[in-house]
Amino acid sequence: YNPALRNSNGTFLKDEWTSYSDVGATFSWLVLSLDDYFLIESQYI
């Protein structure tokens, strides 16, 4: 999450996926693909 997209209380304002179970769902008009999920998961690891 880009900190520039937080409000003054620290809440992230963009519609964004938050879980593995979100694969296949749409966020900000984009479908979260398994490959996109795996990319972020790999960055965390």
ModelCIF file with pLDDT and N, C-alpha, C, O atoms, coordinates in Angstrom:
data_MODEL
#
_entry.id   MODEL 
#
_entity.id                         1 
_entity.type                       polymer 
_entity.pdbx_number_of_molecules   1 
#
_entity_poly.entity_id                      1 
_entity_poly.type                           'polypeptide(L)' 
_entity_poly.nstd_linkage                   no 
_entity_poly.nstd_monomer                   no 
_entity_poly.pdbx_seq_one_letter_code       YNPALRNSNGTFLKDEWTSYSDVGATFSWLVLSLDDYFLIESQYI 
_entity_poly.pdbx_seq_one_letter_code_can   YNPALRNSNGTFLKDEWTSYSDVGATFSWLVLSLDDYFLIESQYI 
_entity_poly.pdbx_strand_id                 A 
#
loop_
_entity_poly_seq.entity_id 
_entity_poly_seq.num 
_entity_poly_seq.mon_id 
_entity_poly_seq.hetero 
1 1  TYR n 
1 2  ASN n 
1 3  PRO n 
1 4  ALA n 
1 5  LEU n 
1 6  ARG n 
1 7  ASN n 
1 8  SER n 
1 9  ASN n 
1 10 GLY n 
1 11 THR n 
1 12 PHE n 
1 13 LEU n 
1 14 LYS n 
1 15 ASP n 
1 16 GLU n 
1 17 TRP n 
1 18 THR n 
1 19 SER n 
1 20 TYR n 
1 21 SER n 
1 22 ASP n 
1 23 VAL n 
1 24 GLY n 
1 25 ALA n 
1 26 THR n 
1 27 PHE n 
1 28 SER n 
1 29 TRP n 
1 30 LEU n 
1 31 VAL n 
1 32 LEU n 
1 33 SER n 
1 34 LEU n 
1 35 ASP n 
1 36 ASP n 
1 37 TYR n 
1 38 PHE n 
1 39 LEU n 
1 40 ILE n 
1 41 GLU n 
1 42 SER n 
1 43 GLN n 
1 44 TYR n 
1 45 ILE n 
#
_struct_asym.id          A 
_struct_asym.entity_id   1 
#
loop_
_ma_qa_metric.id 
_ma_qa_metric.mode 
_ma_qa_metric.name 
_ma_qa_metric.software_group_id 
_ma_qa_metric.type 
1 global pLDDT . pLDDT 
2 local  pLDDT . pLDDT 
#
_ma_qa_metric_global.metric_id      1 
_ma_qa_metric_global.metric_value   93.47 
_ma_qa_metric_global.model_id       1 
_ma_qa_metric_global.ordinal_id     1 
#
loop_
_ma_qa_metric_local.label_asym_id 
_ma_qa_metric_local.label_comp_id 
_ma_qa_metric_local.label_seq_id 
_ma_qa_metric_local.metric_id 
_ma_qa_metric_local.metric_value 
_ma_qa_metric_local.model_id 
_ma_qa_metric_local.ordinal_id 
A TYR 1  2 95.00 1 1  
A ASN 2  2 94.00 1 2  
A PRO 3  2 93.00 1 3  
A ALA 4  2 92.00 1 4  
A LEU 5  2 91.00 1 5  
A ARG 6  2 89.00 1 6  
A ASN 7  2 92.00 1 7  
A SER 8  2 91.00 1 8  
A ASN 9  2 89.00 1 9  
A GLY 10 2 84.00 1 10 
A THR 11 2 85.00 1 11 
A PHE 12 2 87.00 1 12 
A LEU 13 2 87.00 1 13 
A LYS 14 2 89.00 1 14 
A ASP 15 2 88.00 1 15 
A GLU 16 2 93.00 1 16 
A TRP 17 2 96.00 1 17 
A THR 18 2 95.00 1 18 
A SER 19 2 95.00 1 19 
A TYR 20 2 95.00 1 20 
A SER 21 2 93.00 1 21 
A ASP 22 2 96.00 1 22 
A VAL 23 2 96.00 1 23 
A GLY 24 2 95.00 1 24 
A ALA 25 2 95.00 1 25 
A THR 26 2 95.00 1 26 
A PHE 27 2 93.00 1 27 
A SER 28 2 87.00 1 28 
A TRP 29 2 89.00 1 29 
A LEU 30 2 93.00 1 30 
A VAL 31 2 96.00 1 31 
A LEU 32 2 96.00 1 32 
A SER 33 2 97.00 1 33 
A LEU 34 2 97.00 1 34 
A ASP 35 2 97.00 1 35 
A ASP 36 2 97.00 1 36 
A TYR 37 2 97.00 1 37 
A PHE 38 2 97.00 1 38 
A LEU 39 2 97.00 1 39 
A ILE 40 2 97.00 1 40 
A GLU 41 2 97.00 1 41 
A SER 42 2 97.00 1 42 
A GLN 43 2 97.00 1 43 
A TYR 44 2 98.00 1 44 
A ILE 45 2 97.00 1 45 
#
loop_
_atom_site.group_PDB 
_atom_site.id 
_atom_site.type_symbol 
_atom_site.label_atom_id 
_atom_site.label_alt_id 
_atom_site.label_comp_id 
_atom_site.label_asym_id 
_atom_site.label_entity_id 
_atom_site.label_seq_id 
_atom_site.pdbx_PDB_ins_code 
_atom_site.Cartn_x 
_atom_site.Cartn_y 
_atom_site.Cartn_z 
_atom_site.occupancy 
_atom_site.B_iso_or_equiv 
_atom_site.pdbx_formal_charge 
_atom_site.auth_seq_id 
_atom_site.auth_comp_id 
_atom_site.auth_asym_id 
_atom_site.auth_atom_id 
_atom_site.pdbx_PDB_model_num 
ATOM 1   N N  . TYR A 1 1  ? 0.817   -1.209  0.000   1.00 95.00 ? 1  TYR A N  1 
ATOM 2   C CA . TYR A 1 1  ? 0.000   0.000   0.000   1.00 95.00 ? 1  TYR A CA 1 
ATOM 3   C C  . TYR A 1 1  ? 0.856   1.267   0.000   1.00 95.00 ? 1  TYR A C  1 
ATOM 4   O O  . TYR A 1 1  ? 1.688   1.468   0.885   1.00 95.00 ? 1  TYR A O  1 
ATOM 5   N N  . ASN A 1 2  ? 0.645   2.100   -0.985  1.00 94.00 ? 2  ASN A N  1 
ATOM 6   C CA . ASN A 1 2  ? 1.373   3.356   -1.099  1.00 94.00 ? 2  ASN A CA 1 
ATOM 7   C C  . ASN A 1 2  ? 0.915   4.315   0.008   1.00 94.00 ? 2  ASN A C  1 
ATOM 8   O O  . ASN A 1 2  ? -0.266  4.661   0.055   1.00 94.00 ? 2  ASN A O  1 
ATOM 9   N N  . PRO A 1 3  ? 1.803   4.748   0.885   1.00 93.00 ? 3  PRO A N  1 
ATOM 10  C CA . PRO A 1 3  ? 1.421   5.650   1.973   1.00 93.00 ? 3  PRO A CA 1 
ATOM 11  C C  . PRO A 1 3  ? 0.833   6.974   1.483   1.00 93.00 ? 3  PRO A C  1 
ATOM 12  O O  . PRO A 1 3  ? 0.099   7.629   2.223   1.00 93.00 ? 3  PRO A O  1 
ATOM 13  N N  . ALA A 1 4  ? 1.140   7.375   0.261   1.00 92.00 ? 4  ALA A N  1 
ATOM 14  C CA . ALA A 1 4  ? 0.588   8.618   -0.283  1.00 92.00 ? 4  ALA A CA 1 
ATOM 15  C C  . ALA A 1 4  ? -0.928  8.531   -0.478  1.00 92.00 ? 4  ALA A C  1 
ATOM 16  O O  . ALA A 1 4  ? -1.601  9.549   -0.646  1.00 92.00 ? 4  ALA A O  1 
ATOM 17  N N  . LEU A 1 5  ? -1.455  7.304   -0.454  1.00 91.00 ? 5  LEU A N  1 
ATOM 18  C CA . LEU A 1 5  ? -2.891  7.101   -0.646  1.00 91.00 ? 5  LEU A CA 1 
ATOM 19  C C  . LEU A 1 5  ? -3.625  6.873   0.673   1.00 91.00 ? 5  LEU A C  1 
ATOM 20  O O  . LEU A 1 5  ? -4.694  6.263   0.693   1.00 91.00 ? 5  LEU A O  1 
ATOM 21  N N  . ARG A 1 6  ? -3.054  7.362   1.773   1.00 89.00 ? 6  ARG A N  1 
ATOM 22  C CA . ARG A 1 6  ? -3.696  7.272   3.093   1.00 89.00 ? 6  ARG A CA 1 
ATOM 23  C C  . ARG A 1 6  ? -4.250  8.646   3.468   1.00 89.00 ? 6  ARG A C  1 
ATOM 24  O O  . ARG A 1 6  ? -3.725  9.681   3.057   1.00 89.00 ? 6  ARG A O  1 
ATOM 25  N N  . ASN A 1 7  ? -5.324  8.626   4.257   1.00 92.00 ? 7  ASN A N  1 
ATOM 26  C CA . ASN A 1 7  ? -5.841  9.899   4.765   1.00 92.00 ? 7  ASN A CA 1 
ATOM 27  C C  . ASN A 1 7  ? -5.079  10.291  6.032   1.00 92.00 ? 7  ASN A C  1 
ATOM 28  O O  . ASN A 1 7  ? -4.140  9.598   6.424   1.00 92.00 ? 7  ASN A O  1 
ATOM 29  N N  . SER A 1 8  ? -5.465  11.376  6.667   1.00 91.00 ? 8  SER A N  1 
ATOM 30  C CA . SER A 1 8  ? -4.743  11.878  7.839   1.00 91.00 ? 8  SER A CA 1 
ATOM 31  C C  . SER A 1 8  ? -4.822  10.921  9.025   1.00 91.00 ? 8  SER A C  1 
ATOM 32  O O  . SER A 1 8  ? -4.009  11.015  9.944   1.00 91.00 ? 8  SER A O  1 
ATOM 33  N N  . ASN A 1 9  ? -5.789  10.002  9.019   1.00 89.00 ? 9  ASN A N  1 
ATOM 34  C CA . ASN A 1 9  ? -5.895  8.989   10.087  1.00 89.00 ? 9  ASN A CA 1 
ATOM 35  C C  . ASN A 1 9  ? -5.102  7.728   9.764   1.00 89.00 ? 9  ASN A C  1 
ATOM 36  O O  . ASN A 1 9  ? -5.061  6.804   10.577  1.00 89.00 ? 9  ASN A O  1 
ATOM 37  N N  . GLY A 1 10 ? -4.468  7.673   8.583   1.00 84.00 ? 10 GLY A N  1 
ATOM 38  C CA . GLY A 1 10 ? -3.688  6.507   8.189   1.00 84.00 ? 10 GLY A CA 1 
ATOM 39  C C  . GLY A 1 10 ? -4.483  5.457   7.441   1.00 84.00 ? 10 GLY A C  1 
ATOM 40  O O  . GLY A 1 10 ? -3.943  4.402   7.109   1.00 84.00 ? 10 GLY A O  1 
ATOM 41  N N  . THR A 1 11 ? -5.753  5.718   7.167   1.00 85.00 ? 11 THR A N  1 
ATOM 42  C CA . THR A 1 11 ? -6.596  4.763   6.456   1.00 85.00 ? 11 THR A CA 1 
ATOM 43  C C  . THR A 1 11 ? -6.261  4.792   4.965   1.00 85.00 ? 11 THR A C  1 
ATOM 44  O O  . THR A 1 11 ? -6.195  5.858   4.353   1.00 85.00 ? 11 THR A O  1 
ATOM 45  N N  . PHE A 1 12 ? -6.052  3.614   4.392   1.00 87.00 ? 12 PHE A N  1 
ATOM 46  C CA . PHE A 1 12 ? -5.755  3.513   2.965   1.00 87.00 ? 12 PHE A CA 1 
ATOM 47  C C  . PHE A 1 12 ? -7.047  3.741   2.195   1.00 87.00 ? 12 PHE A C  1 
ATOM 48  O O  . PHE A 1 12 ? -8.066  3.124   2.507   1.00 87.00 ? 12 PHE A O  1 
ATOM 49  N N  . LEU A 1 13 ? -7.025  4.610   1.199   1.00 87.00 ? 13 LEU A N  1 
ATOM 50  C CA . LEU A 1 13 ? -8.244  5.079   0.548   1.00 87.00 ? 13 LEU A CA 1 
ATOM 51  C C  . LEU A 1 13 ? -8.589  4.363   -0.758  1.00 87.00 ? 13 LEU A C  1 
ATOM 52  O O  . LEU A 1 13 ? -9.731  4.453   -1.209  1.00 87.00 ? 13 LEU A O  1 
ATOM 53  N N  . LYS A 1 14 ? -7.667  3.674   -1.363  1.00 89.00 ? 14 LYS A N  1 
ATOM 54  C CA . LYS A 1 14 ? -7.908  3.030   -2.653  1.00 89.00 ? 14 LYS A CA 1 
ATOM 55  C C  . LYS A 1 14 ? -8.593  1.674   -2.456  1.00 89.00 ? 14 LYS A C  1 
ATOM 56  O O  . LYS A 1 14 ? -8.310  0.962   -1.492  1.00 89.00 ? 14 LYS A O  1 
ATOM 57  N N  . ASP A 1 15 ? -9.490  1.326   -3.371  1.00 88.00 ? 15 ASP A N  1 
ATOM 58  C CA . ASP A 1 15 ? -10.116 0.003   -3.385  1.00 88.00 ? 15 ASP A CA 1 
ATOM 59  C C  . ASP A 1 15 ? -9.040  -1.010  -3.760  1.00 88.00 ? 15 ASP A C  1 
ATOM 60  O O  . ASP A 1 15 ? -8.543  -0.995  -4.886  1.00 88.00 ? 15 ASP A O  1 
ATOM 61  N N  . GLU A 1 16 ? -8.677  -1.886  -2.831  1.00 93.00 ? 16 GLU A N  1 
ATOM 62  C CA . GLU A 1 16 ? -7.524  -2.756  -3.016  1.00 93.00 ? 16 GLU A CA 1 
ATOM 63  C C  . GLU A 1 16 ? -7.808  -4.126  -2.404  1.00 93.00 ? 16 GLU A C  1 
ATOM 64  O O  . GLU A 1 16 ? -8.514  -4.230  -1.401  1.00 93.00 ? 16 GLU A O  1 
ATOM 65  N N  . TRP A 1 17 ? -7.262  -5.163  -3.007  1.00 96.00 ? 17 TRP A N  1 
ATOM 66  C CA . TRP A 1 17 ? -7.424  -6.499  -2.439  1.00 96.00 ? 17 TRP A CA 1 
ATOM 67  C C  . TRP A 1 17 ? -6.628  -6.626  -1.153  1.00 96.00 ? 17 TRP A C  1 
ATOM 68  O O  . TRP A 1 17 ? -5.612  -5.955  -0.974  1.00 96.00 ? 17 TRP A O  1 
ATOM 69  N N  . THR A 1 18 ? -7.090  -7.488  -0.262  1.00 95.00 ? 18 THR A N  1 
ATOM 70  C CA . THR A 1 18 ? -6.466  -7.622  1.055   1.00 95.00 ? 18 THR A CA 1 
ATOM 71  C C  . THR A 1 18 ? -6.219  -9.069  1.472   1.00 95.00 ? 18 THR A C  1 
ATOM 72  O O  . THR A 1 18 ? -5.752  -9.319  2.584   1.00 95.00 ? 18 THR A O  1 
ATOM 73  N N  . SER A 1 19 ? -6.527  -10.026 0.593   1.00 95.00 ? 19 SER A N  1 
ATOM 74  C CA . SER A 1 19 ? -6.443  -11.422 1.004   1.00 95.00 ? 19 SER A CA 1 
ATOM 75  C C  . SER A 1 19 ? -6.306  -12.337 -0.215  1.00 95.00 ? 19 SER A C  1 
ATOM 76  O O  . SER A 1 19 ? -6.713  -11.990 -1.324  1.00 95.00 ? 19 SER A O  1 
ATOM 77  N N  . TYR A 1 20 ? -5.729  -13.498 0.019   1.00 95.00 ? 20 TYR A N  1 
ATOM 78  C CA . TYR A 1 20 ? -5.640  -14.556 -0.998  1.00 95.00 ? 20 TYR A CA 1 
ATOM 79  C C  . TYR A 1 20 ? -7.026  -14.922 -1.507  1.00 95.00 ? 20 TYR A C  1 
ATOM 80  O O  . TYR A 1 20 ? -7.197  -15.246 -2.682  1.00 95.00 ? 20 TYR A O  1 
ATOM 81  N N  . SER A 1 21 ? -8.008  -14.870 -0.627  1.00 93.00 ? 21 SER A N  1 
ATOM 82  C CA . SER A 1 21 ? -9.381  -15.223 -1.030  1.00 93.00 ? 21 SER A CA 1 
ATOM 83  C C  . SER A 1 21 ? -9.974  -14.200 -2.007  1.00 93.00 ? 21 SER A C  1 
ATOM 84  O O  . SER A 1 21 ? -11.045 -14.439 -2.566  1.00 93.00 ? 21 SER A O  1 
ATOM 85  N N  . ASP A 1 22 ? -9.303  -13.081 -2.219  1.00 96.00 ? 22 ASP A N  1 
ATOM 86  C CA . ASP A 1 22 ? -9.775  -12.067 -3.166  1.00 96.00 ? 22 ASP A CA 1 
ATOM 87  C C  . ASP A 1 22 ? -9.399  -12.373 -4.615  1.00 96.00 ? 22 ASP A C  1 
ATOM 88  O O  . ASP A 1 22 ? -9.833  -11.661 -5.520  1.00 96.00 ? 22 ASP A O  1 
ATOM 89  N N  . VAL A 1 23 ? -8.601  -13.420 -4.854  1.00 96.00 ? 23 VAL A N  1 
ATOM 90  C CA . VAL A 1 23 ? -8.221  -13.769 -6.227  1.00 96.00 ? 23 VAL A CA 1 
ATOM 91  C C  . VAL A 1 23 ? -9.500  -14.006 -7.034  1.00 96.00 ? 23 VAL A C  1 
ATOM 92  O O  . VAL A 1 23 ? -10.384 -14.757 -6.621  1.00 96.00 ? 23 VAL A O  1 
ATOM 93  N N  . GLY A 1 24 ? -9.576  -13.353 -8.184  1.00 95.00 ? 24 GLY A N  1 
ATOM 94  C CA . GLY A 1 24 ? -10.744 -13.457 -9.053  1.00 95.00 ? 24 GLY A CA 1 
ATOM 95  C C  . GLY A 1 24 ? -11.733 -12.320 -8.881  1.00 95.00 ? 24 GLY A C  1 
ATOM 96  O O  . GLY A 1 24 ? -12.612 -12.128 -9.721  1.00 95.00 ? 24 GLY A O  1 
ATOM 97  N N  . ALA A 1 25 ? -11.597 -11.560 -7.793  1.00 95.00 ? 25 ALA A N  1 
ATOM 98  C CA . ALA A 1 25 ? -12.487 -10.425 -7.547  1.00 95.00 ? 25 ALA A CA 1 
ATOM 99  C C  . ALA A 1 25 ? -11.940 -9.180  -8.256  1.00 95.00 ? 25 ALA A C  1 
ATOM 100 O O  . ALA A 1 25 ? -10.778 -9.142  -8.661  1.00 95.00 ? 25 ALA A O  1 
ATOM 101 N N  . THR A 1 26 ? -12.795 -8.171  -8.396  1.00 95.00 ? 26 THR A N  1 
ATOM 102 C CA . THR A 1 26 ? -12.445 -6.938  -9.090  1.00 95.00 ? 26 THR A CA 1 
ATOM 103 C C  . THR A 1 26 ? -12.212 -5.813  -8.094  1.00 95.00 ? 26 THR A C  1 
ATOM 104 O O  . THR A 1 26 ? -13.001 -5.597  -7.174  1.00 95.00 ? 26 THR A O  1 
ATOM 105 N N  . PHE A 1 27 ? -11.096 -5.094  -8.302  1.00 93.00 ? 27 PHE A N  1 
ATOM 106 C CA . PHE A 1 27 ? -10.723 -3.959  -7.466  1.00 93.00 ? 27 PHE A CA 1 
ATOM 107 C C  . PHE A 1 27 ? -10.261 -2.840  -8.387  1.00 93.00 ? 27 PHE A C  1 
ATOM 108 O O  . PHE A 1 27 ? -9.373  -3.035  -9.216  1.00 93.00 ? 27 PHE A O  1 
ATOM 109 N N  . SER A 1 28 ? -10.861 -1.676  -8.238  1.00 87.00 ? 28 SER A N  1 
ATOM 110 C CA . SER A 1 28 ? -10.542 -0.532  -9.102  1.00 87.00 ? 28 SER A CA 1 
ATOM 111 C C  . SER A 1 28 ? -10.572 -0.945  -10.572 1.00 87.00 ? 28 SER A C  1 
ATOM 112 O O  . SER A 1 28 ? -9.671  -0.606  -11.339 1.00 87.00 ? 28 SER A O  1 
ATOM 113 N N  . TRP A 1 29 ? -11.594 -1.663  -10.949 1.00 89.00 ? 29 TRP A N  1 
ATOM 114 C CA . TRP A 1 29 ? -11.865 -2.109  -12.316 1.00 89.00 ? 29 TRP A CA 1 
ATOM 115 C C  . TRP A 1 29 ? -10.871 -3.128  -12.845 1.00 89.00 ? 29 TRP A C  1 
ATOM 116 O O  . TRP A 1 29 ? -10.837 -3.379  -14.049 1.00 89.00 ? 29 TRP A O  1 
ATOM 117 N N  . LEU A 1 30 ? -10.059 -3.722  -11.975 1.00 93.00 ? 30 LEU A N  1 
ATOM 118 C CA . LEU A 1 30 ? -9.121  -4.762  -12.395 1.00 93.00 ? 30 LEU A CA 1 
ATOM 119 C C  . LEU A 1 30 ? -9.397  -6.042  -11.623 1.00 93.00 ? 30 LEU A C  1 
ATOM 120 O O  . LEU A 1 30 ? -9.649  -6.010  -10.419 1.00 93.00 ? 30 LEU A O  1 
ATOM 121 N N  . VAL A 1 31 ? -9.347  -7.161  -12.322 1.00 96.00 ? 31 VAL A N  1 
ATOM 122 C CA . VAL A 1 31 ? -9.531  -8.458  -11.684 1.00 96.00 ? 31 VAL A CA 1 
ATOM 123 C C  . VAL A 1 31 ? -8.184  -8.903  -11.115 1.00 96.00 ? 31 VAL A C  1 
ATOM 124 O O  . VAL A 1 31 ? -7.166  -8.866  -11.806 1.00 96.00 ? 31 VAL A O  1 
ATOM 125 N N  . LEU A 1 32 ? -8.187  -9.325  -9.849  1.00 96.00 ? 32 LEU A N  1 
ATOM 126 C CA . LEU A 1 32 ? -6.963  -9.849  -9.236  1.00 96.00 ? 32 LEU A CA 1 
ATOM 127 C C  . LEU A 1 32 ? -6.732  -11.262 -9.748  1.00 96.00 ? 32 LEU A C  1 
ATOM 128 O O  . LEU A 1 32 ? -7.477  -12.184 -9.416  1.00 96.00 ? 32 LEU A O  1 
ATOM 129 N N  . SER A 1 33 ? -5.695  -11.424 -10.557 1.00 97.00 ? 33 SER A N  1 
ATOM 130 C CA . SER A 1 33 ? -5.353  -12.753 -11.081 1.00 97.00 ? 33 SER A CA 1 
ATOM 131 C C  . SER A 1 33 ? -4.472  -13.492 -10.081 1.00 97.00 ? 33 SER A C  1 
ATOM 132 O O  . SER A 1 33 ? -3.862  -12.891 -9.197  1.00 97.00 ? 33 SER A O  1 
ATOM 133 N N  . LEU A 1 34 ? -4.423  -14.782 -10.241 1.00 97.00 ? 34 LEU A N  1 
ATOM 134 C CA . LEU A 1 34 ? -3.560  -15.598 -9.387  1.00 97.00 ? 34 LEU A CA 1 
ATOM 135 C C  . LEU A 1 34 ? -2.095  -15.186 -9.573  1.00 97.00 ? 34 LEU A C  1 
ATOM 136 O O  . LEU A 1 34 ? -1.344  -15.112 -8.601  1.00 97.00 ? 34 LEU A O  1 
ATOM 137 N N  . ASP A 1 35 ? -1.694  -14.920 -10.807 1.00 97.00 ? 35 ASP A N  1 
ATOM 138 C CA . ASP A 1 35 ? -0.312  -14.496 -11.061 1.00 97.00 ? 35 ASP A CA 1 
ATOM 139 C C  . ASP A 1 35 ? 0.009   -13.177 -10.377 1.00 97.00 ? 35 ASP A C  1 
ATOM 140 O O  . ASP A 1 35 ? 1.097   -13.008 -9.825  1.00 97.00 ? 35 ASP A O  1 
ATOM 141 N N  . ASP A 1 36 ? -0.948  -12.228 -10.412 1.00 97.00 ? 36 ASP A N  1 
ATOM 142 C CA . ASP A 1 36 ? -0.729  -10.949 -9.730  1.00 97.00 ? 36 ASP A CA 1 
ATOM 143 C C  . ASP A 1 36 ? -0.624  -11.153 -8.220  1.00 97.00 ? 36 ASP A C  1 
ATOM 144 O O  . ASP A 1 36 ? 0.209   -10.533 -7.559  1.00 97.00 ? 36 ASP A O  1 
ATOM 145 N N  . TYR A 1 37 ? -1.476  -12.028 -7.680  1.00 97.00 ? 37 TYR A N  1 
ATOM 146 C CA . TYR A 1 37 ? -1.397  -12.332 -6.249  1.00 97.00 ? 37 TYR A CA 1 
ATOM 147 C C  . TYR A 1 37 ? -0.022  -12.934 -5.916  1.00 97.00 ? 37 TYR A C  1 
ATOM 148 O O  . TYR A 1 37 ? 0.645   -12.490 -4.982  1.00 97.00 ? 37 TYR A O  1 
ATOM 149 N N  . PHE A 1 38 ? 0.391   -13.947 -6.688  1.00 97.00 ? 38 PHE A N  1 
ATOM 150 C CA . PHE A 1 38 ? 1.668   -14.616 -6.423  1.00 97.00 ? 38 PHE A CA 1 
ATOM 151 C C  . PHE A 1 38 ? 2.844   -13.642 -6.487  1.00 97.00 ? 38 PHE A C  1 
ATOM 152 O O  . PHE A 1 38 ? 3.795   -13.778 -5.717  1.00 97.00 ? 38 PHE A O  1 
ATOM 153 N N  . LEU A 1 39 ? 2.795   -12.675 -7.380  1.00 97.00 ? 39 LEU A N  1 
ATOM 154 C CA . LEU A 1 39 ? 3.862   -11.686 -7.479  1.00 97.00 ? 39 LEU A CA 1 
ATOM 155 C C  . LEU A 1 39 ? 4.012   -10.914 -6.168  1.00 97.00 ? 39 LEU A C  1 
ATOM 156 O O  . LEU A 1 39 ? 5.120   -10.770 -5.652  1.00 97.00 ? 39 LEU A O  1 
ATOM 157 N N  . ILE A 1 40 ? 2.905   -10.424 -5.638  1.00 97.00 ? 40 ILE A N  1 
ATOM 158 C CA . ILE A 1 40 ? 2.962   -9.660  -4.383  1.00 97.00 ? 40 ILE A CA 1 
ATOM 159 C C  . ILE A 1 40 ? 3.352   -10.566 -3.218  1.00 97.00 ? 40 ILE A C  1 
ATOM 160 O O  . ILE A 1 40 ? 4.171   -10.180 -2.383  1.00 97.00 ? 40 ILE A O  1 
ATOM 161 N N  . GLU A 1 41 ? 2.782   -11.753 -3.155  1.00 97.00 ? 41 GLU A N  1 
ATOM 162 C CA . GLU A 1 41 ? 3.128   -12.696 -2.098  1.00 97.00 ? 41 GLU A CA 1 
ATOM 163 C C  . GLU A 1 41 ? 4.640   -12.963 -2.111  1.00 97.00 ? 41 GLU A C  1 
ATOM 164 O O  . GLU A 1 41 ? 5.277   -12.990 -1.058  1.00 97.00 ? 41 GLU A O  1 
ATOM 165 N N  . SER A 1 42 ? 5.199   -13.156 -3.283  1.00 97.00 ? 42 SER A N  1 
ATOM 166 C CA . SER A 1 42 ? 6.645   -13.409 -3.401  1.00 97.00 ? 42 SER A CA 1 
ATOM 167 C C  . SER A 1 42 ? 7.468   -12.209 -2.941  1.00 97.00 ? 42 SER A C  1 
ATOM 168 O O  . SER A 1 42 ? 8.541   -12.382 -2.364  1.00 97.00 ? 42 SER A O  1 
ATOM 169 N N  . GLN A 1 43 ? 6.977   -10.997 -3.189  1.00 97.00 ? 43 GLN A N  1 
ATOM 170 C CA . GLN A 1 43 ? 7.692   -9.802  -2.732  1.00 97.00 ? 43 GLN A CA 1 
ATOM 171 C C  . GLN A 1 43 ? 7.732   -9.760  -1.204  1.00 97.00 ? 43 GLN A C  1 
ATOM 172 O O  . GLN A 1 43 ? 8.763   -9.420  -0.625  1.00 97.00 ? 43 GLN A O  1 
ATOM 173 N N  . TYR A 1 44 ? 6.633   -10.097 -0.552  1.00 98.00 ? 44 TYR A N  1 
ATOM 174 C CA . TYR A 1 44 ? 6.601   -10.120 0.911   1.00 98.00 ? 44 TYR A CA 1 
ATOM 175 C C  . TYR A 1 44 ? 7.586   -11.161 1.438   1.00 98.00 ? 44 TYR A C  1 
ATOM 176 O O  . TYR A 1 44 ? 8.356   -10.883 2.357   1.00 98.00 ? 44 TYR A O  1 
ATOM 177 N N  . ILE A 1 45 ? 7.560   -12.344 0.861   1.00 97.00 ? 45 ILE A N  1 
ATOM 178 C CA . ILE A 1 45 ? 8.441   -13.424 1.313   1.00 97.00 ? 45 ILE A CA 1 
ATOM 179 C C  . ILE A 1 45 ? 9.901   -13.050 1.072   1.00 97.00 ? 45 ILE A C  1 
ATOM 180 O O  . ILE A 1 45 ? 10.799  -13.831 1.387   1.00 97.00 ? 45 ILE A O  1 
#
